[in-house]
Amino acid sequence: MSKIKTNALRSLDAKKIMHNVYEYDAPEGFLDGVSVARATGMDVNTVYKTLVTQGASKEHFVCVIPVAEELDLKKAAKHFGEKKIEMIPAREITNVTGYIKGGCSPIGMKKQFKTAIDSHAENLDQIVVSAGKVGLQMELSVTDLVSVTEAELVDLIVE
């Protein structure tokens, strides 16, 4: 068990949500999600990435999708009731979420944003997401992730 505590991990501990923490060696620079799955020895289909978007209304939204997939911005916009939705620039991630690029967790952001998790997660018992720091992943039940993020399970990926 990791001795590192992030906002995400503190939040799970406070709510007494069972989870496992996995550390991996993160090289200098950005590591994509598929590489993270390999580095942790996880099945790539259980590892999800956290993407932060902004709608035409300027409201922020969080989308959690499989690491090997691409977010369908039109599907996300429709789900969140926005005319248009875009990824926020990487330079804004820390200011908006409190996390850094590559270490953004859907749990424990500065503010609770409306969140959607891709519906492929319905087929999983456990899901792996960032624990809020590059080099740190956490595994928890899909049910607990949905509950703690107040998310909805919806189709979000490019077919």
N, C-alpha and C. Protein backbone atom coordinates (compact mmCIF):
# COMPACT_ATOMS: atom_id res chain seq x y z
N MET A 1 0.85 -1.18 0.00
CA MET A 1 0.00 0.00 0.00
C MET A 1 0.90 1.24 0.00
N SER A 2 0.54 2.18 -0.78
CA SER A 2 1.32 3.41 -0.91
C SER A 2 1.20 4.28 0.33
N LYS A 3 2.30 4.89 0.70
CA LYS A 3 2.29 5.84 1.80
C LYS A 3 1.96 7.24 1.28
N ILE A 4 1.98 7.41 -0.04
CA ILE A 4 1.66 8.69 -0.66
C ILE A 4 0.16 8.94 -0.51
N LYS A 5 -0.19 10.15 -0.13
CA LYS A 5 -1.61 10.50 -0.02
C LYS A 5 -1.89 11.70 -0.92
N THR A 6 -2.84 11.53 -1.79
CA THR A 6 -3.30 12.60 -2.67
C THR A 6 -4.72 12.94 -2.25
N ASN A 7 -5.27 14.01 -2.81
CA ASN A 7 -6.67 14.35 -2.52
C ASN A 7 -7.59 13.18 -2.85
N ALA A 8 -7.32 12.49 -3.96
CA ALA A 8 -8.16 11.36 -4.38
C ALA A 8 -8.12 10.25 -3.33
N LEU A 9 -6.93 9.90 -2.88
CA LEU A 9 -6.79 8.81 -1.91
C LEU A 9 -7.35 9.21 -0.54
N ARG A 10 -7.13 10.46 -0.14
CA ARG A 10 -7.71 10.92 1.13
C ARG A 10 -9.24 10.88 1.08
N SER A 11 -9.80 11.23 -0.08
CA SER A 11 -11.25 11.21 -0.24
C SER A 11 -11.80 9.79 -0.11
N LEU A 12 -11.12 8.83 -0.73
CA LEU A 12 -11.56 7.43 -0.62
C LEU A 12 -11.43 6.93 0.81
N ASP A 13 -10.33 7.28 1.48
CA ASP A 13 -10.14 6.87 2.87
C ASP A 13 -11.23 7.46 3.76
N ALA A 14 -11.54 8.73 3.57
CA ALA A 14 -12.56 9.39 4.39
C ALA A 14 -13.93 8.74 4.23
N LYS A 15 -14.19 8.25 3.03
CA LYS A 15 -15.49 7.60 2.76
C LYS A 15 -15.44 6.10 2.97
N LYS A 16 -14.28 5.62 3.46
CA LYS A 16 -14.07 4.19 3.73
C LYS A 16 -14.36 3.32 2.50
N ILE A 17 -13.89 3.79 1.36
CA ILE A 17 -14.06 3.06 0.10
C ILE A 17 -12.82 2.20 -0.14
N MET A 18 -13.04 0.92 -0.30
CA MET A 18 -11.94 -0.03 -0.55
C MET A 18 -11.28 0.30 -1.89
N HIS A 19 -9.95 0.28 -1.88
CA HIS A 19 -9.20 0.54 -3.11
C HIS A 19 -7.79 -0.02 -2.97
N ASN A 20 -7.17 -0.26 -4.10
CA ASN A 20 -5.77 -0.66 -4.15
C ASN A 20 -5.00 0.44 -4.85
N VAL A 21 -3.77 0.64 -4.42
CA VAL A 21 -2.91 1.67 -5.02
C VAL A 21 -1.73 0.99 -5.69
N TYR A 22 -1.40 1.46 -6.87
CA TYR A 22 -0.28 0.91 -7.64
C TYR A 22 0.66 2.05 -8.03
N GLU A 23 1.93 1.87 -7.70
CA GLU A 23 2.94 2.85 -8.10
C GLU A 23 3.69 2.30 -9.31
N TYR A 24 4.12 3.19 -10.18
CA TYR A 24 4.94 2.79 -11.32
C TYR A 24 5.98 3.87 -11.57
N ASP A 25 7.06 3.46 -12.22
CA ASP A 25 8.11 4.43 -12.53
C ASP A 25 7.67 5.26 -13.72
N ALA A 26 7.50 6.53 -13.48
CA ALA A 26 7.08 7.46 -14.53
C ALA A 26 8.31 8.16 -15.08
N PRO A 27 8.56 8.01 -16.38
CA PRO A 27 9.72 8.68 -16.96
C PRO A 27 9.48 10.19 -17.03
N GLU A 28 10.54 10.91 -17.27
CA GLU A 28 10.41 12.36 -17.48
C GLU A 28 9.48 12.58 -18.67
N GLY A 29 8.63 13.57 -18.58
CA GLY A 29 7.72 13.85 -19.69
C GLY A 29 6.42 13.08 -19.54
N PHE A 30 5.61 13.13 -20.57
CA PHE A 30 4.27 12.56 -20.54
C PHE A 30 4.27 11.09 -20.90
N LEU A 31 3.49 10.30 -20.18
CA LEU A 31 3.33 8.88 -20.44
C LEU A 31 1.86 8.65 -20.77
N ASP A 32 1.58 8.08 -21.94
CA ASP A 32 0.17 7.87 -22.30
C ASP A 32 -0.44 6.74 -21.47
N GLY A 33 -1.76 6.68 -21.47
CA GLY A 33 -2.49 5.72 -20.64
C GLY A 33 -2.22 4.27 -20.95
N VAL A 34 -2.02 3.93 -22.21
CA VAL A 34 -1.72 2.55 -22.59
C VAL A 34 -0.37 2.15 -21.98
N SER A 35 0.60 3.06 -22.02
CA SER A 35 1.90 2.80 -21.41
C SER A 35 1.79 2.65 -19.89
N VAL A 36 0.91 3.43 -19.29
CA VAL A 36 0.68 3.32 -17.85
C VAL A 36 0.12 1.94 -17.53
N ALA A 37 -0.85 1.48 -18.33
CA ALA A 37 -1.43 0.15 -18.11
C ALA A 37 -0.33 -0.91 -18.18
N ARG A 38 0.53 -0.81 -19.17
CA ARG A 38 1.62 -1.77 -19.31
C ARG A 38 2.58 -1.68 -18.12
N ALA A 39 2.90 -0.46 -17.70
CA ALA A 39 3.84 -0.25 -16.60
C ALA A 39 3.32 -0.83 -15.29
N THR A 40 2.01 -0.84 -15.12
CA THR A 40 1.41 -1.37 -13.89
C THR A 40 1.00 -2.83 -14.03
N GLY A 41 1.15 -3.38 -15.25
CA GLY A 41 0.77 -4.77 -15.47
C GLY A 41 -0.74 -4.97 -15.50
N MET A 42 -1.49 -3.90 -15.72
CA MET A 42 -2.95 -3.97 -15.73
C MET A 42 -3.48 -4.27 -17.12
N ASP A 43 -4.64 -4.87 -17.17
CA ASP A 43 -5.35 -5.08 -18.42
C ASP A 43 -5.75 -3.70 -18.94
N VAL A 44 -5.33 -3.39 -20.16
CA VAL A 44 -5.59 -2.07 -20.74
C VAL A 44 -7.09 -1.74 -20.77
N ASN A 45 -7.94 -2.75 -20.79
CA ASN A 45 -9.38 -2.51 -20.83
C ASN A 45 -9.96 -2.08 -19.49
N THR A 46 -9.18 -2.20 -18.41
CA THR A 46 -9.67 -1.79 -17.09
C THR A 46 -9.10 -0.45 -16.66
N VAL A 47 -8.15 0.07 -17.43
CA VAL A 47 -7.51 1.34 -17.08
C VAL A 47 -8.18 2.48 -17.85
N TYR A 48 -8.62 3.47 -17.11
CA TYR A 48 -9.36 4.60 -17.69
C TYR A 48 -8.60 5.90 -17.45
N LYS A 49 -8.76 6.84 -18.39
CA LYS A 49 -8.13 8.16 -18.26
C LYS A 49 -9.20 9.19 -17.94
N THR A 50 -8.76 10.26 -17.30
CA THR A 50 -9.65 11.34 -16.89
C THR A 50 -9.39 12.53 -17.79
N LEU A 51 -10.42 12.96 -18.50
CA LEU A 51 -10.31 14.09 -19.42
C LEU A 51 -11.22 15.22 -18.93
N VAL A 52 -10.68 16.42 -18.94
CA VAL A 52 -11.44 17.58 -18.49
C VAL A 52 -11.79 18.42 -19.71
N THR A 53 -13.06 18.74 -19.82
CA THR A 53 -13.56 19.48 -20.97
C THR A 53 -14.25 20.76 -20.52
N GLN A 54 -14.55 21.59 -21.51
CA GLN A 54 -15.29 22.83 -21.23
C GLN A 54 -16.35 23.00 -22.32
N GLY A 55 -17.55 23.28 -21.88
CA GLY A 55 -18.64 23.48 -22.82
C GLY A 55 -18.72 24.92 -23.31
N ALA A 56 -19.59 25.15 -24.27
CA ALA A 56 -19.81 26.50 -24.79
C ALA A 56 -20.26 27.44 -23.69
N SER A 57 -20.87 26.88 -22.65
CA SER A 57 -21.33 27.67 -21.50
C SER A 57 -20.18 28.07 -20.57
N LYS A 58 -18.98 27.59 -20.86
CA LYS A 58 -17.76 27.79 -20.05
C LYS A 58 -17.73 26.91 -18.81
N GLU A 59 -18.75 26.03 -18.65
CA GLU A 59 -18.77 25.09 -17.53
C GLU A 59 -17.82 23.93 -17.85
N HIS A 60 -17.17 23.41 -16.81
CA HIS A 60 -16.25 22.28 -16.98
C HIS A 60 -16.96 20.96 -16.72
N PHE A 61 -16.53 19.93 -17.45
CA PHE A 61 -17.08 18.59 -17.32
C PHE A 61 -15.94 17.58 -17.34
N VAL A 62 -16.14 16.46 -16.65
CA VAL A 62 -15.12 15.42 -16.58
C VAL A 62 -15.64 14.17 -17.29
N CYS A 63 -14.79 13.61 -18.14
CA CYS A 63 -15.11 12.38 -18.86
C CYS A 63 -14.04 11.34 -18.53
N VAL A 64 -14.48 10.16 -18.15
CA VAL A 64 -13.56 9.07 -17.79
C VAL A 64 -13.78 7.96 -18.82
N ILE A 65 -12.73 7.71 -19.62
CA ILE A 65 -12.86 6.76 -20.73
C ILE A 65 -11.68 5.79 -20.74
N PRO A 66 -11.83 4.64 -21.42
CA PRO A 66 -10.72 3.69 -21.52
C PRO A 66 -9.49 4.36 -22.13
N VAL A 67 -8.29 4.01 -21.61
CA VAL A 67 -7.06 4.69 -22.05
C VAL A 67 -6.75 4.51 -23.53
N ALA A 68 -7.22 3.42 -24.11
CA ALA A 68 -6.90 3.17 -25.53
C ALA A 68 -7.92 3.80 -26.48
N GLU A 69 -8.89 4.49 -25.93
CA GLU A 69 -9.97 5.05 -26.75
C GLU A 69 -9.87 6.57 -26.84
N GLU A 70 -10.71 7.13 -27.73
CA GLU A 70 -10.75 8.57 -27.95
C GLU A 70 -12.13 9.10 -27.57
N LEU A 71 -12.16 10.23 -26.90
CA LEU A 71 -13.42 10.85 -26.49
C LEU A 71 -14.15 11.39 -27.71
N ASP A 72 -15.43 11.06 -27.82
CA ASP A 72 -16.29 11.62 -28.86
C ASP A 72 -16.89 12.90 -28.29
N LEU A 73 -16.36 14.03 -28.72
CA LEU A 73 -16.78 15.32 -28.17
C LEU A 73 -18.26 15.60 -28.42
N LYS A 74 -18.80 15.12 -29.55
CA LYS A 74 -20.22 15.34 -29.83
C LYS A 74 -21.10 14.57 -28.86
N LYS A 75 -20.71 13.33 -28.56
CA LYS A 75 -21.48 12.54 -27.59
C LYS A 75 -21.42 13.18 -26.21
N ALA A 76 -20.23 13.66 -25.83
CA ALA A 76 -20.07 14.30 -24.52
C ALA A 76 -20.91 15.57 -24.45
N ALA A 77 -20.88 16.38 -25.51
CA ALA A 77 -21.67 17.62 -25.54
C ALA A 77 -23.15 17.31 -25.39
N LYS A 78 -23.61 16.32 -26.12
CA LYS A 78 -25.02 15.95 -26.06
C LYS A 78 -25.39 15.50 -24.64
N HIS A 79 -24.55 14.67 -24.05
CA HIS A 79 -24.84 14.18 -22.69
C HIS A 79 -24.93 15.32 -21.68
N PHE A 80 -24.00 16.27 -21.76
CA PHE A 80 -23.96 17.37 -20.79
C PHE A 80 -24.87 18.53 -21.18
N GLY A 81 -25.60 18.40 -22.29
CA GLY A 81 -26.54 19.44 -22.69
C GLY A 81 -25.86 20.69 -23.22
N GLU A 82 -24.72 20.50 -23.84
CA GLU A 82 -23.95 21.62 -24.39
C GLU A 82 -24.04 21.60 -25.91
N LYS A 83 -23.99 22.79 -26.49
CA LYS A 83 -23.98 22.91 -27.95
C LYS A 83 -22.67 22.36 -28.51
N LYS A 84 -21.59 22.64 -27.78
CA LYS A 84 -20.26 22.23 -28.19
C LYS A 84 -19.42 22.01 -26.94
N ILE A 85 -18.48 21.07 -27.02
CA ILE A 85 -17.59 20.81 -25.89
C ILE A 85 -16.18 20.60 -26.44
N GLU A 86 -15.18 21.08 -25.70
CA GLU A 86 -13.79 20.94 -26.13
C GLU A 86 -12.93 20.54 -24.94
N MET A 87 -11.79 19.92 -25.23
CA MET A 87 -10.82 19.61 -24.19
C MET A 87 -10.25 20.94 -23.69
N ILE A 88 -9.98 21.02 -22.39
CA ILE A 88 -9.33 22.24 -21.91
C ILE A 88 -7.85 22.16 -22.28
N PRO A 89 -7.21 23.30 -22.48
CA PRO A 89 -5.77 23.28 -22.77
C PRO A 89 -5.00 22.67 -21.59
N ALA A 90 -3.95 21.93 -21.89
CA ALA A 90 -3.15 21.27 -20.84
C ALA A 90 -2.67 22.25 -19.79
N ARG A 91 -2.36 23.47 -20.19
CA ARG A 91 -1.84 24.46 -19.23
C ARG A 91 -2.89 24.86 -18.19
N GLU A 92 -4.16 24.57 -18.44
CA GLU A 92 -5.23 24.94 -17.50
C GLU A 92 -5.60 23.82 -16.52
N ILE A 93 -5.08 22.62 -16.75
CA ILE A 93 -5.49 21.46 -15.94
C ILE A 93 -5.27 21.70 -14.45
N THR A 94 -4.09 22.15 -14.07
CA THR A 94 -3.80 22.35 -12.65
C THR A 94 -4.69 23.42 -12.04
N ASN A 95 -4.88 24.51 -12.74
CA ASN A 95 -5.70 25.60 -12.24
C ASN A 95 -7.16 25.16 -12.05
N VAL A 96 -7.66 24.37 -12.97
CA VAL A 96 -9.07 23.94 -12.91
C VAL A 96 -9.28 22.81 -11.91
N THR A 97 -8.37 21.80 -11.92
CA THR A 97 -8.59 20.58 -11.14
C THR A 97 -7.78 20.46 -9.86
N GLY A 98 -6.62 21.12 -9.84
CA GLY A 98 -5.69 20.92 -8.72
C GLY A 98 -4.70 19.81 -9.00
N TYR A 99 -4.87 19.12 -10.10
CA TYR A 99 -3.97 18.03 -10.50
C TYR A 99 -3.12 18.47 -11.69
N ILE A 100 -2.06 17.69 -11.97
CA ILE A 100 -1.23 18.00 -13.14
C ILE A 100 -1.55 17.04 -14.28
N LYS A 101 -1.17 17.42 -15.49
CA LYS A 101 -1.39 16.57 -16.66
C LYS A 101 -0.72 15.22 -16.42
N GLY A 102 -1.45 14.16 -16.71
CA GLY A 102 -0.93 12.82 -16.51
C GLY A 102 -1.20 12.28 -15.11
N GLY A 103 -1.69 13.14 -14.22
CA GLY A 103 -1.99 12.73 -12.86
C GLY A 103 -3.34 13.21 -12.40
N CYS A 104 -4.22 13.42 -13.34
CA CYS A 104 -5.55 13.97 -13.05
C CYS A 104 -6.50 12.83 -12.68
N SER A 105 -7.01 12.86 -11.47
CA SER A 105 -7.95 11.85 -11.00
C SER A 105 -9.37 12.40 -11.07
N PRO A 106 -10.36 11.55 -11.34
CA PRO A 106 -11.74 12.03 -11.33
C PRO A 106 -12.26 12.29 -9.92
N ILE A 107 -11.48 11.89 -8.92
CA ILE A 107 -11.85 12.04 -7.52
C ILE A 107 -10.95 13.10 -6.87
N GLY A 108 -11.53 13.98 -6.09
CA GLY A 108 -10.74 14.91 -5.29
C GLY A 108 -10.27 16.16 -6.02
N MET A 109 -10.96 16.54 -7.08
CA MET A 109 -10.60 17.78 -7.77
C MET A 109 -10.97 18.97 -6.88
N LYS A 110 -10.49 20.15 -7.23
CA LYS A 110 -10.79 21.36 -6.47
C LYS A 110 -12.29 21.56 -6.28
N LYS A 111 -13.05 21.12 -7.28
CA LYS A 111 -14.49 21.29 -7.30
C LYS A 111 -15.10 20.02 -7.87
N GLN A 112 -16.31 19.69 -7.45
CA GLN A 112 -17.00 18.52 -8.00
C GLN A 112 -17.66 18.93 -9.32
N PHE A 113 -17.09 18.46 -10.42
CA PHE A 113 -17.65 18.77 -11.74
C PHE A 113 -18.61 17.66 -12.16
N LYS A 114 -19.54 17.99 -13.05
CA LYS A 114 -20.40 16.96 -13.62
C LYS A 114 -19.49 15.96 -14.32
N THR A 115 -19.72 14.69 -14.04
CA THR A 115 -18.82 13.64 -14.51
C THR A 115 -19.60 12.55 -15.23
N ALA A 116 -18.99 12.03 -16.30
CA ALA A 116 -19.54 10.89 -17.02
C ALA A 116 -18.43 9.86 -17.20
N ILE A 117 -18.79 8.60 -17.01
CA ILE A 117 -17.86 7.50 -17.21
C ILE A 117 -18.37 6.69 -18.39
N ASP A 118 -17.46 6.34 -19.30
CA ASP A 118 -17.89 5.59 -20.48
C ASP A 118 -18.59 4.30 -20.07
N SER A 119 -19.68 4.01 -20.76
CA SER A 119 -20.53 2.87 -20.43
C SER A 119 -19.84 1.51 -20.54
N HIS A 120 -18.70 1.42 -21.19
CA HIS A 120 -17.97 0.15 -21.23
C HIS A 120 -17.57 -0.29 -19.82
N ALA A 121 -17.50 0.63 -18.89
CA ALA A 121 -17.15 0.31 -17.50
C ALA A 121 -18.22 -0.55 -16.83
N GLU A 122 -19.44 -0.54 -17.38
CA GLU A 122 -20.52 -1.36 -16.81
C GLU A 122 -20.15 -2.83 -16.79
N ASN A 123 -19.27 -3.24 -17.70
CA ASN A 123 -18.87 -4.65 -17.82
C ASN A 123 -17.73 -5.02 -16.88
N LEU A 124 -17.25 -4.07 -16.10
CA LEU A 124 -16.11 -4.31 -15.21
C LEU A 124 -16.55 -4.37 -13.75
N ASP A 125 -15.83 -5.17 -12.98
CA ASP A 125 -16.03 -5.16 -11.53
C ASP A 125 -15.18 -4.06 -10.94
N GLN A 126 -13.93 -3.99 -11.40
CA GLN A 126 -12.96 -3.02 -10.91
C GLN A 126 -12.49 -2.12 -12.04
N ILE A 127 -12.16 -0.89 -11.70
CA ILE A 127 -11.67 0.07 -12.68
C ILE A 127 -10.41 0.72 -12.11
N VAL A 128 -9.48 1.05 -12.97
CA VAL A 128 -8.23 1.68 -12.55
C VAL A 128 -8.19 3.09 -13.13
N VAL A 129 -7.96 4.07 -12.26
CA VAL A 129 -7.86 5.48 -12.68
C VAL A 129 -6.66 6.09 -11.96
N SER A 130 -6.28 7.27 -12.37
CA SER A 130 -5.19 7.97 -11.71
C SER A 130 -5.55 8.22 -10.25
N ALA A 131 -4.54 8.09 -9.40
CA ALA A 131 -4.73 8.37 -7.98
C ALA A 131 -4.40 9.82 -7.65
N GLY A 132 -4.17 10.62 -8.69
CA GLY A 132 -3.94 12.05 -8.46
C GLY A 132 -2.50 12.49 -8.52
N LYS A 133 -1.64 11.62 -9.03
CA LYS A 133 -0.22 11.94 -9.15
C LYS A 133 0.37 11.06 -10.25
N VAL A 134 1.25 11.61 -11.05
CA VAL A 134 1.94 10.81 -12.06
C VAL A 134 2.72 9.73 -11.31
N GLY A 135 2.58 8.48 -11.77
CA GLY A 135 3.27 7.37 -11.11
C GLY A 135 2.42 6.66 -10.09
N LEU A 136 1.14 7.05 -9.99
CA LEU A 136 0.25 6.47 -8.99
C LEU A 136 -1.12 6.20 -9.59
N GLN A 137 -1.56 4.96 -9.53
CA GLN A 137 -2.88 4.56 -10.01
C GLN A 137 -3.65 3.94 -8.86
N MET A 138 -4.97 3.97 -8.95
CA MET A 138 -5.79 3.32 -7.93
C MET A 138 -6.87 2.48 -8.59
N GLU A 139 -7.20 1.40 -7.93
CA GLU A 139 -8.22 0.48 -8.43
C GLU A 139 -9.34 0.43 -7.40
N LEU A 140 -10.57 0.57 -7.90
CA LEU A 140 -11.73 0.51 -7.04
C LEU A 140 -12.90 -0.04 -7.84
N SER A 141 -13.99 -0.33 -7.16
CA SER A 141 -15.14 -0.86 -7.90
C SER A 141 -15.75 0.24 -8.75
N VAL A 142 -16.33 -0.16 -9.86
CA VAL A 142 -17.00 0.80 -10.74
C VAL A 142 -18.14 1.47 -9.98
N THR A 143 -18.85 0.69 -9.20
CA THR A 143 -19.96 1.22 -8.40
C THR A 143 -19.49 2.33 -7.47
N ASP A 144 -18.35 2.11 -6.81
CA ASP A 144 -17.82 3.13 -5.90
C ASP A 144 -17.36 4.37 -6.66
N LEU A 145 -16.73 4.17 -7.83
CA LEU A 145 -16.29 5.33 -8.62
C LEU A 145 -17.50 6.16 -9.06
N VAL A 146 -18.54 5.50 -9.51
CA VAL A 146 -19.77 6.20 -9.92
C VAL A 146 -20.34 6.96 -8.73
N SER A 147 -20.37 6.32 -7.58
CA SER A 147 -20.94 6.94 -6.39
C SER A 147 -20.14 8.16 -5.93
N VAL A 148 -18.82 8.01 -5.81
CA VAL A 148 -17.99 9.09 -5.26
C VAL A 148 -17.88 10.28 -6.22
N THR A 149 -18.00 10.04 -7.52
CA THR A 149 -17.92 11.14 -8.49
C THR A 149 -19.30 11.65 -8.90
N GLU A 150 -20.35 10.99 -8.43
CA GLU A 150 -21.72 11.31 -8.81
C GLU A 150 -21.87 11.27 -10.34
N ALA A 151 -21.21 10.29 -10.94
CA ALA A 151 -21.17 10.18 -12.40
C ALA A 151 -22.34 9.38 -12.95
N GLU A 152 -22.49 9.54 -14.25
CA GLU A 152 -23.44 8.72 -15.00
C GLU A 152 -22.62 7.89 -15.97
N LEU A 153 -23.08 6.67 -16.24
CA LEU A 153 -22.44 5.81 -17.23
C LEU A 153 -23.11 6.06 -18.57
N VAL A 154 -22.34 6.56 -19.54
CA VAL A 154 -22.88 6.90 -20.86
C VAL A 154 -21.85 6.54 -21.96
N ASP A 155 -22.34 6.38 -23.16
CA ASP A 155 -21.47 6.12 -24.31
C ASP A 155 -20.69 7.40 -24.64
N LEU A 156 -19.37 7.35 -24.51
CA LEU A 156 -18.56 8.55 -24.70
C LEU A 156 -17.46 8.42 -25.74
N ILE A 157 -17.24 7.22 -26.24
CA ILE A 157 -16.05 7.05 -27.10
C ILE A 157 -16.38 7.00 -28.58
N VAL A 158 -15.37 7.33 -29.37
CA VAL A 158 -15.48 7.28 -30.83
C VAL A 158 -15.60 5.82 -31.23
N GLU A 159 -16.60 5.53 -32.05
CA GLU A 159 -16.81 4.14 -32.50
C GLU A 159 -15.98 3.87 -33.71
